[in-house]
Protein backbone atom coordinates (compact mmCIF):
# COMPACT_ATOMS: atom_id res chain seq x y z
CA MET A 1 102.58 100.34 85.50
CA ILE A 2 104.13 97.64 83.41
CA ILE A 3 101.94 94.59 82.72
CA LEU A 4 103.70 91.31 81.97
CA ALA A 5 102.00 88.13 80.77
CA HIS A 6 104.21 85.28 81.99
CA ASP A 7 103.64 81.61 81.20
CA GLY A 8 106.34 80.29 83.54
CA SER A 9 108.74 79.50 80.68
CA ILE A 10 112.38 80.53 80.47
CA TYR A 11 111.33 83.03 77.80
CA GLY A 12 108.90 84.57 80.27
CA ASP A 13 111.75 84.81 82.78
CA TRP A 14 113.86 86.67 80.22
CA VAL A 15 111.09 89.15 79.43
CA ALA A 16 110.34 89.56 83.16
CA HIS A 17 113.93 90.69 83.72
CA TYR A 18 113.38 93.58 81.31
CA ALA A 19 109.83 94.29 82.50
CA LEU A 20 111.21 94.80 86.00
CA ARG A 21 113.80 97.25 84.69
CA PHE A 22 111.13 99.17 82.78
CA ALA A 23 108.86 99.24 85.86
CA ALA A 24 111.72 100.64 87.94
CA ASP A 25 111.90 103.57 85.51
CA GLU A 26 108.15 104.26 85.55
CA ALA A 27 106.81 107.05 87.77
CA ASP A 28 104.54 104.68 89.73
CA ARG A 29 107.14 101.85 89.94
CA LYS A 30 104.57 99.04 89.58
CA LEU A 31 104.72 95.65 87.90
CA LEU A 32 101.62 93.51 87.35
CA VAL A 33 102.43 89.93 86.39
CA LEU A 34 99.67 87.87 84.78
CA ASN A 35 100.40 84.16 84.92
CA VAL A 36 98.97 82.41 81.88
CA LEU A 37 98.02 78.91 83.06
CA ASP A 38 98.50 76.74 80.00
CA GLY A 39 99.54 73.51 81.74
CA ASN A 40 103.04 73.42 80.21
CA VAL A 41 104.83 74.44 83.43
CA SER A 42 104.09 72.92 86.83
CA PRO A 43 102.55 75.15 89.49
CA ASP A 44 105.53 74.49 91.79
CA VAL A 45 107.98 75.81 89.18
CA ILE A 46 105.84 78.89 88.60
CA LYS A 47 105.58 79.51 92.35
CA THR A 48 109.37 79.36 92.71
CA LYS A 49 109.98 81.64 89.73
CA PHE A 50 107.44 84.18 90.87
CA ALA A 51 108.84 84.22 94.41
CA LYS A 52 112.22 85.12 92.92
CA LEU A 53 110.67 87.82 90.73
CA GLU A 54 108.82 89.24 93.73
CA LYS A 55 112.09 89.38 95.70
CA ASN A 56 113.81 91.13 92.79
CA CYS A 57 110.96 93.66 92.69
CA GLN A 58 111.33 94.37 96.40
CA GLU A 59 115.06 94.87 96.00
CA ALA A 60 114.45 97.29 93.11
CA GLY A 61 111.75 99.21 94.98
CA VAL A 62 109.05 98.11 92.53
CA GLU A 63 105.53 97.34 93.76
CA TRP A 64 104.65 93.77 92.79
CA SER A 65 101.24 92.30 92.11
CA ALA A 66 100.29 89.06 90.38
CA ALA A 67 97.20 87.32 89.07
CA SER A 68 96.58 84.01 87.29
CA ARG A 69 94.46 83.47 84.21
CA GLN A 70 93.50 80.28 82.40
CA ASN A 71 94.66 80.04 78.82
CA GLY A 72 91.73 80.31 76.47
CA PRO A 73 90.27 82.20 73.54
CA SER A 74 90.70 85.93 73.68
CA GLN A 75 87.83 88.26 73.10
CA PHE A 76 90.33 90.57 71.44
CA ALA A 77 91.76 88.09 68.93
CA PRO A 78 90.90 88.87 65.33
CA SER A 79 88.83 86.47 63.28
CA TYR A 80 90.69 84.41 60.69
CA PRO A 81 90.37 84.51 57.84
CA PRO A 82 89.77 88.28 58.04
CA ARG A 83 86.23 89.26 57.27
CA PRO A 84 85.76 91.34 54.10
């Protein structure tokens, strides 16, 4: 399974193109797309882009799944400045 964090930007579209290709080469042929809701791209634009990506997945024989997450602090982000 390939996991792609996509914010709805054109850069996310570019990376999604390659993520789909990688997923098509995986044994399980799965792509999980996590939409990072940061408010910079309208929900309608994201919906349109993801519909196209879903269609491309179907055409490539890749199982598609998607989820949305609010942008916020990560529990995995390191502390800065680094602790001694």
